[in-house]
């Protein structure tokens, strides 16, 4: 296959943790041609969507993990697959790339589907399953947020379009920073935030479950460091092997049909205790940690699914 990967600069990735890099290594093993570009090099020239970038070869060698060919401009309708894999923030720049990529979906498989990615940011899609979630509220209204905190006392506030644990605040009842945090969001972010009732089970871990075409294929538990409210691995969370429980499987069975209907092939969900907190569709991670802890080779399963879709 001919594969184009839309991602952040490849020279700055952590090759021992980056899921996109795991996909690229597996694609290389299968003999697929790969073309790398960053989202700022997309151009819609009349009916043609082009990307300026490089043919790329990858290897699992720190400091020497990628070799780039000469710069060239490629018509993306000429490739078999485009991987939409740049990291959030999910801002207008990100949204614009999804509009541009829609121009090629009749000719090229884009993973994940750009229209569905645009319509399903992490903390919004999950709100379609309120019975699976902790009590949650999306608002920029200080009075609504204050009332939610008064009801639930111990809450978490997150930027609606954030990622990686950035800007996440745990605000127990005795915390006096609530108003200051609200001011920070309203003055600087100017978009709604999501408030959720705090789930104490997070001290035992925040489980990332990977689904391929709506089916769970592996999981990793991320345990927050002492004194840290966030469990994300890059802020000190500890990765642990995590079997799928009956509750995990039930959650996946509920959301799987929606993911398949929206052509969201590669998704990572977050489960704390027995509740669903996020459905990640933009650039889910966790593949390398799952394999390192004895789980399946999800990169191989991913390409099996892509190749099956292309017949």
Protein backbone atom coordinates (compact mmCIF):
# COMPACT_ATOMS: atom_id res chain seq x y z
CA UNK A 1 0.00 0.00 0.00
CA UNK A 2 0.88 3.66 -0.29
CA UNK A 3 0.36 5.34 3.08
CA UNK A 4 0.51 9.03 3.97
CA UNK A 5 0.88 9.95 7.65
CA UNK A 6 -0.26 13.35 8.89
CA UNK A 7 1.51 13.82 12.21
CA UNK A 8 3.58 16.13 14.38
CA UNK A 9 7.29 16.54 13.52
CA UNK A 10 8.79 13.08 13.43
CA UNK A 11 12.17 14.13 14.79
CA UNK A 12 10.66 15.01 18.17
CA UNK A 13 8.71 11.83 18.95
CA UNK A 14 9.51 9.32 21.69
CA UNK A 15 10.00 6.14 19.68
CA UNK A 16 9.51 3.97 22.78
CA UNK A 17 6.03 5.35 23.48
CA UNK A 18 4.62 6.86 20.29
CA UNK A 19 1.71 4.90 18.82
CA UNK A 20 2.06 6.44 15.36
CA UNK A 21 5.67 5.28 15.24
CA UNK A 22 4.55 1.76 16.16
CA UNK A 23 2.13 1.87 13.24
CA UNK A 24 4.91 3.05 10.93
CA UNK A 25 7.28 0.27 12.04
CA UNK A 26 4.60 -2.35 11.37
CA UNK A 27 3.77 -0.82 7.97
CA UNK A 28 7.46 -0.94 7.04
CA UNK A 29 7.63 -4.58 8.11
CA UNK A 30 4.78 -5.30 5.68
CA UNK A 31 6.55 -3.55 2.81
CA UNK A 32 4.17 -0.58 2.53
CA UNK A 33 5.44 2.73 1.13
CA UNK A 34 5.15 5.63 3.59
CA UNK A 35 4.98 9.38 3.10
CA UNK A 36 5.24 11.75 6.06
CA UNK A 37 3.97 15.32 6.33
CA UNK A 38 2.91 17.78 9.01
CA UNK A 39 -0.58 19.35 8.98
CA UNK A 40 0.70 22.81 8.05
CA UNK A 41 1.85 21.41 4.67
CA UNK A 42 -1.67 20.53 3.46
CA UNK A 43 -2.88 22.49 0.41
CA UNK A 44 -6.24 22.39 -1.34
CA UNK A 45 -5.48 23.46 -4.91
CA UNK A 46 -8.85 23.61 -6.61
CA UNK A 47 -10.16 20.02 -6.48
CA UNK A 48 -6.76 18.54 -5.54
CA UNK A 49 -5.71 18.02 -1.95
CA UNK A 50 -1.93 17.90 -1.79
CA UNK A 51 0.62 17.49 0.97
CA UNK A 52 4.25 18.54 0.88
CA UNK A 53 6.50 16.14 2.74
CA UNK A 54 8.91 13.25 2.35
CA UNK A 55 9.04 9.56 1.68
CA UNK A 56 10.14 8.10 5.00
CA UNK A 57 11.90 5.00 6.25
CA UNK A 58 11.73 4.16 9.95
CA UNK A 59 13.72 1.98 12.31
CA UNK A 60 13.72 1.32 16.06
CA UNK A 61 16.99 3.18 16.69
CA UNK A 62 17.05 6.08 19.13
CA UNK A 63 18.48 9.17 17.47
CA UNK A 64 18.34 7.51 14.06
CA UNK A 65 14.71 6.45 13.81
CA UNK A 66 13.73 8.09 10.50
CA UNK A 67 15.33 8.78 7.13
CA UNK A 68 13.57 11.29 4.88
CA UNK A 69 13.65 11.39 1.11
CA UNK A 70 13.70 14.56 -0.96
CA UNK A 71 10.85 16.98 -0.37
CA UNK A 72 7.95 16.42 -2.74
CA UNK A 73 4.31 17.35 -3.12
CA UNK A 74 1.87 14.45 -3.29
CA UNK A 75 -1.75 14.34 -4.42
CA UNK A 76 -3.36 12.56 -1.48
CA UNK A 77 -6.07 11.07 -3.68
CA UNK A 78 -3.30 8.92 -5.16
CA UNK A 79 -2.52 7.06 -1.92
CA UNK A 80 -4.41 4.15 -0.38
CA UNK A 81 -4.51 5.35 3.22
CA UNK A 82 -4.04 8.62 5.11
CA UNK A 83 -3.44 8.33 8.85
CA UNK A 84 -4.79 11.39 10.67
CA UNK A 85 -2.49 11.26 13.67
CA UNK A 86 -1.41 14.71 14.82
CA UNK A 87 -1.91 15.36 18.50
CA UNK A 88 -4.46 17.82 19.89
CA UNK A 89 -5.17 20.60 20.85
CA UNK A 90 -8.40 20.19 18.97
CA UNK A 91 -8.45 23.78 17.75
CA UNK A 92 -9.55 25.49 14.53
CA UNK A 93 -6.35 24.37 12.82
CA UNK A 94 -7.17 20.76 13.62
CA UNK A 95 -10.78 21.22 12.53
CA UNK A 96 -9.65 22.77 9.24
CA UNK A 97 -7.52 19.72 8.41
CA UNK A 98 -10.60 17.52 8.80
CA UNK A 99 -12.51 19.68 6.31
CA UNK A 100 -9.61 19.45 3.85
CA UNK A 101 -9.28 15.68 4.19
CA UNK A 102 -12.96 15.24 3.42
CA UNK A 103 -12.10 16.11 -0.19
CA UNK A 104 -10.35 12.76 -0.69
CA UNK A 105 -12.54 10.28 1.21
CA UNK A 106 -14.10 8.99 -2.03
CA UNK A 107 -10.67 7.89 -3.27
CA UNK A 108 -8.62 7.33 -0.12
CA UNK A 109 -9.27 5.66 3.23
CA UNK A 110 -8.69 8.27 5.95
CA UNK A 111 -8.25 6.84 9.46
CA UNK A 112 -10.03 8.04 11.47
CA UNK A 113 -12.78 9.40 9.21
CA UNK A 114 -12.23 13.19 9.22
CA UNK A 115 -15.89 14.21 9.48
CA UNK A 116 -16.40 11.84 12.41
CA UNK A 117 -13.26 13.09 14.14
CA UNK A 118 -14.52 16.64 13.77
CA UNK A 119 -17.94 15.74 15.15
CA UNK A 120 -16.69 13.54 17.99
CA UNK A 121 -14.08 15.28 20.12
CA UNK A 122 -13.09 13.22 23.15
CA UNK A 123 -15.22 14.82 25.83
CA UNK A 124 -18.33 15.39 23.68
CA UNK A 125 -18.93 12.01 22.03
CA UNK A 126 -18.89 10.31 25.41
CA UNK A 127 -21.85 12.45 26.56
CA UNK A 128 -24.12 10.29 24.38
CA UNK A 129 -23.69 7.57 27.03
CA UNK A 130 -24.63 9.34 30.30
CA UNK A 131 -25.58 6.08 32.01
CA UNK A 132 -22.02 4.79 31.56
CA UNK A 133 -20.39 7.96 32.92
CA UNK A 134 -19.88 9.70 36.24
CA UNK A 135 -22.16 12.74 36.65
CA UNK A 136 -20.87 15.25 34.07
CA UNK A 137 -21.58 18.80 32.96
CA UNK A 138 -20.37 20.83 29.96
CA UNK A 139 -20.67 24.58 30.40
CA UNK A 140 -18.92 27.94 30.52
CA UNK A 141 -21.54 29.34 32.87
CA UNK A 142 -19.92 29.96 36.30
CA UNK A 143 -23.28 29.61 38.06
CA UNK A 144 -24.00 26.23 36.45
CA UNK A 145 -20.50 25.02 37.32
CA UNK A 146 -20.81 26.24 40.90
CA UNK A 147 -24.17 24.49 41.26
CA UNK A 148 -22.65 21.26 39.91
CA UNK A 149 -19.86 21.49 42.46
CA UNK A 150 -22.34 22.15 45.25
CA UNK A 151 -24.24 18.99 44.27
CA UNK A 152 -21.23 16.71 43.93
CA UNK A 153 -18.74 18.47 46.27
CA UNK A 154 -15.65 16.68 44.94
CA UNK A 155 -15.15 17.35 41.21
CA UNK A 156 -12.68 17.42 38.33
CA UNK A 157 -12.57 20.28 35.80
CA UNK A 158 -11.02 19.75 32.34
CA UNK A 159 -10.66 21.84 29.17
CA UNK A 160 -13.25 20.54 26.72
CA UNK A 161 -10.73 20.32 23.88
CA UNK A 162 -7.63 19.54 25.90
CA UNK A 163 -5.56 16.36 25.88
CA UNK A 164 -2.80 14.61 27.74
CA UNK A 165 -3.95 15.80 31.14
CA UNK A 166 -3.16 19.46 30.39
CA UNK A 167 -5.31 21.86 32.39
CA UNK A 168 -7.00 19.16 34.49
CA UNK A 169 -7.88 20.25 38.04
CA UNK A 170 -9.09 18.11 40.93
CA UNK A 171 -11.15 20.38 43.19
CA UNK A 172 -12.32 18.65 46.38
CA UNK A 173 -14.87 20.38 48.56
CA UNK A 174 -12.24 22.08 50.75
CA UNK A 175 -10.23 23.44 47.81
CA UNK A 176 -10.50 27.24 47.64
CA UNK A 177 -9.21 27.58 44.08
CA UNK A 178 -12.52 26.89 42.34
CA UNK A 179 -13.30 30.50 41.43
CA UNK A 180 -9.74 31.16 40.29
CA UNK A 181 -9.85 28.10 38.02
CA UNK A 182 -13.19 29.23 36.55
CA UNK A 183 -11.69 32.66 35.85
CA UNK A 184 -8.69 31.03 34.17
CA UNK A 185 -10.95 29.05 31.85
CA UNK A 186 -13.33 31.89 31.06
CA UNK A 187 -10.60 34.51 30.51
CA UNK A 188 -8.08 32.43 28.56
CA UNK A 189 -9.77 29.38 27.02
CA UNK A 190 -13.16 30.98 26.30
CA UNK A 191 -14.73 27.65 25.46
CA UNK A 192 -16.88 25.43 27.70
CA UNK A 193 -15.22 23.08 30.11
CA UNK A 194 -16.31 19.69 31.36
CA UNK A 195 -16.93 19.07 35.02
CA UNK A 196 -17.19 15.53 36.35
CA UNK A 197 -17.84 14.11 39.78
CA UNK A 198 -14.53 12.84 41.13
CA UNK A 199 -14.18 9.05 40.94
CA UNK A 200 -11.98 7.91 43.89
CA UNK A 201 -11.15 4.68 42.03
CA UNK A 202 -8.74 6.75 39.90
CA UNK A 203 -6.12 6.24 42.65
CA UNK A 204 -6.07 2.60 41.51
CA UNK A 205 -5.74 3.64 37.90
CA UNK A 206 -7.32 5.07 34.76
CA UNK A 207 -7.63 2.24 32.24
CA UNK A 208 -7.01 2.99 28.55
CA UNK A 209 -8.81 0.43 26.37
CA UNK A 210 -8.03 0.28 22.65
CA UNK A 211 -10.81 -0.61 20.22
CA UNK A 212 -10.32 -1.49 16.56
CA UNK A 213 -13.47 -1.20 14.49
CA UNK A 214 -15.52 -1.07 17.69
CA UNK A 215 -14.00 -4.21 19.25
CA UNK A 216 -11.71 -4.05 22.34
CA UNK A 217 -8.27 -5.50 21.64
CA UNK A 218 -6.16 -4.52 24.66
CA UNK A 219 -5.79 -2.28 27.67
CA UNK A 220 -3.26 -0.61 29.94
CA UNK A 221 -3.89 0.73 33.43
CA UNK A 222 -2.32 4.11 34.22
CA UNK A 223 -1.79 4.73 37.93
CA UNK A 224 -1.23 8.33 39.01
CA UNK A 225 1.93 9.22 40.87
CA UNK A 226 1.73 10.11 44.55
CA UNK A 227 0.49 13.68 44.93
CA UNK A 228 -0.67 13.85 41.30
CA UNK A 229 -4.33 13.92 40.25
CA UNK A 230 -3.59 12.95 36.65
CA UNK A 231 -2.76 9.45 35.48
CA UNK A 232 -1.31 10.28 32.06
CA UNK A 233 1.98 8.46 31.52
CA UNK A 234 3.89 11.53 30.34
CA UNK A 235 3.16 13.32 33.65
CA UNK A 236 4.41 10.45 35.79
CA UNK A 237 1.63 7.86 35.64
CA UNK A 238 2.75 4.24 35.97
CA UNK A 239 1.70 1.70 33.34
CA UNK A 240 0.36 -1.65 34.54
CA UNK A 241 -1.02 -4.66 32.70
CA UNK A 242 -4.81 -4.58 32.70
CA UNK A 243 -7.14 -7.44 31.74
CA UNK A 244 -10.53 -6.55 30.32
CA UNK A 245 -13.25 -7.00 32.94
CA UNK A 246 -16.86 -7.94 32.27
CA UNK A 247 -17.78 -4.28 32.86
CA UNK A 248 -15.14 -3.10 30.37
CA UNK A 249 -16.52 -5.46 27.74
CA UNK A 250 -20.09 -4.31 28.41
CA UNK A 251 -19.05 -0.67 27.91
CA UNK A 252 -17.33 -1.56 24.64
CA UNK A 253 -20.38 -3.48 23.43
CA UNK A 254 -22.52 -0.38 24.02
CA UNK A 255 -20.29 2.07 22.19
CA UNK A 256 -18.93 -0.27 19.49
CA UNK A 257 -21.86 0.10 17.04
CA UNK A 258 -21.59 3.90 17.12
CA UNK A 259 -17.85 3.77 16.45
CA UNK A 260 -18.37 1.45 13.48
CA UNK A 261 -21.22 3.56 12.10
CA UNK A 262 -18.98 6.65 12.20
CA UNK A 263 -15.94 4.88 10.68
CA UNK A 264 -13.87 5.46 13.79
CA UNK A 265 -11.51 2.56 13.23
CA UNK A 266 -8.94 3.24 15.97
CA UNK A 267 -10.25 4.51 19.30
CA UNK A 268 -9.03 4.64 22.88
CA UNK A 269 -11.51 4.90 25.73
CA UNK A 270 -10.78 5.76 29.37
CA UNK A 271 -12.46 3.81 32.16
CA UNK A 272 -12.07 4.57 35.86
CA UNK A 273 -13.49 1.90 38.13
CA UNK A 274 -16.69 0.97 36.34
CA UNK A 275 -17.41 4.30 34.60
CA UNK A 276 -16.50 5.64 31.16
CA UNK A 277 -14.87 9.09 31.19
CA UNK A 278 -13.62 9.73 27.63
CA UNK A 279 -13.77 8.36 24.07
CA UNK A 280 -10.53 9.37 22.34
CA UNK A 281 -10.69 9.53 18.53
CA UNK A 282 -8.12 12.14 17.50
CA UNK A 283 -4.78 10.48 18.25
CA UNK A 284 -5.22 7.66 20.79
CA UNK A 285 -2.10 6.23 22.41
CA UNK A 286 -1.12 3.25 24.55
CA UNK A 287 -0.21 0.65 21.92
CA UNK A 288 3.46 0.32 22.85
CA UNK A 289 2.76 0.10 26.59
CA UNK A 290 0.18 -2.64 26.06
CA UNK A 291 2.59 -4.77 24.05
CA UNK A 292 5.47 -4.11 26.46
CA UNK A 293 3.33 -5.42 29.32
CA UNK A 294 2.57 -8.67 27.52
CA UNK A 295 -0.55 -7.63 25.63
CA UNK A 296 -1.30 -8.08 21.93
CA UNK A 297 0.55 -6.44 19.05
CA UNK A 298 -2.12 -3.83 18.35
CA UNK A 299 -0.14 -2.22 15.54
CA UNK A 300 -0.39 -5.51 13.63
CA UNK A 301 -4.10 -5.81 14.41
CA UNK A 302 -4.59 -2.24 13.20
CA UNK A 303 -3.01 -2.90 9.81
CA UNK A 304 -4.92 -6.18 9.51
CA UNK A 305 -8.13 -4.14 9.87
CA UNK A 306 -7.02 -1.46 7.40
CA UNK A 307 -5.99 -4.04 4.81
CA UNK A 308 -9.31 -5.84 5.25
CA UNK A 309 -11.22 -2.59 4.64
CA UNK A 310 -9.24 -2.06 1.43
CA UNK A 311 -9.93 -5.61 0.33
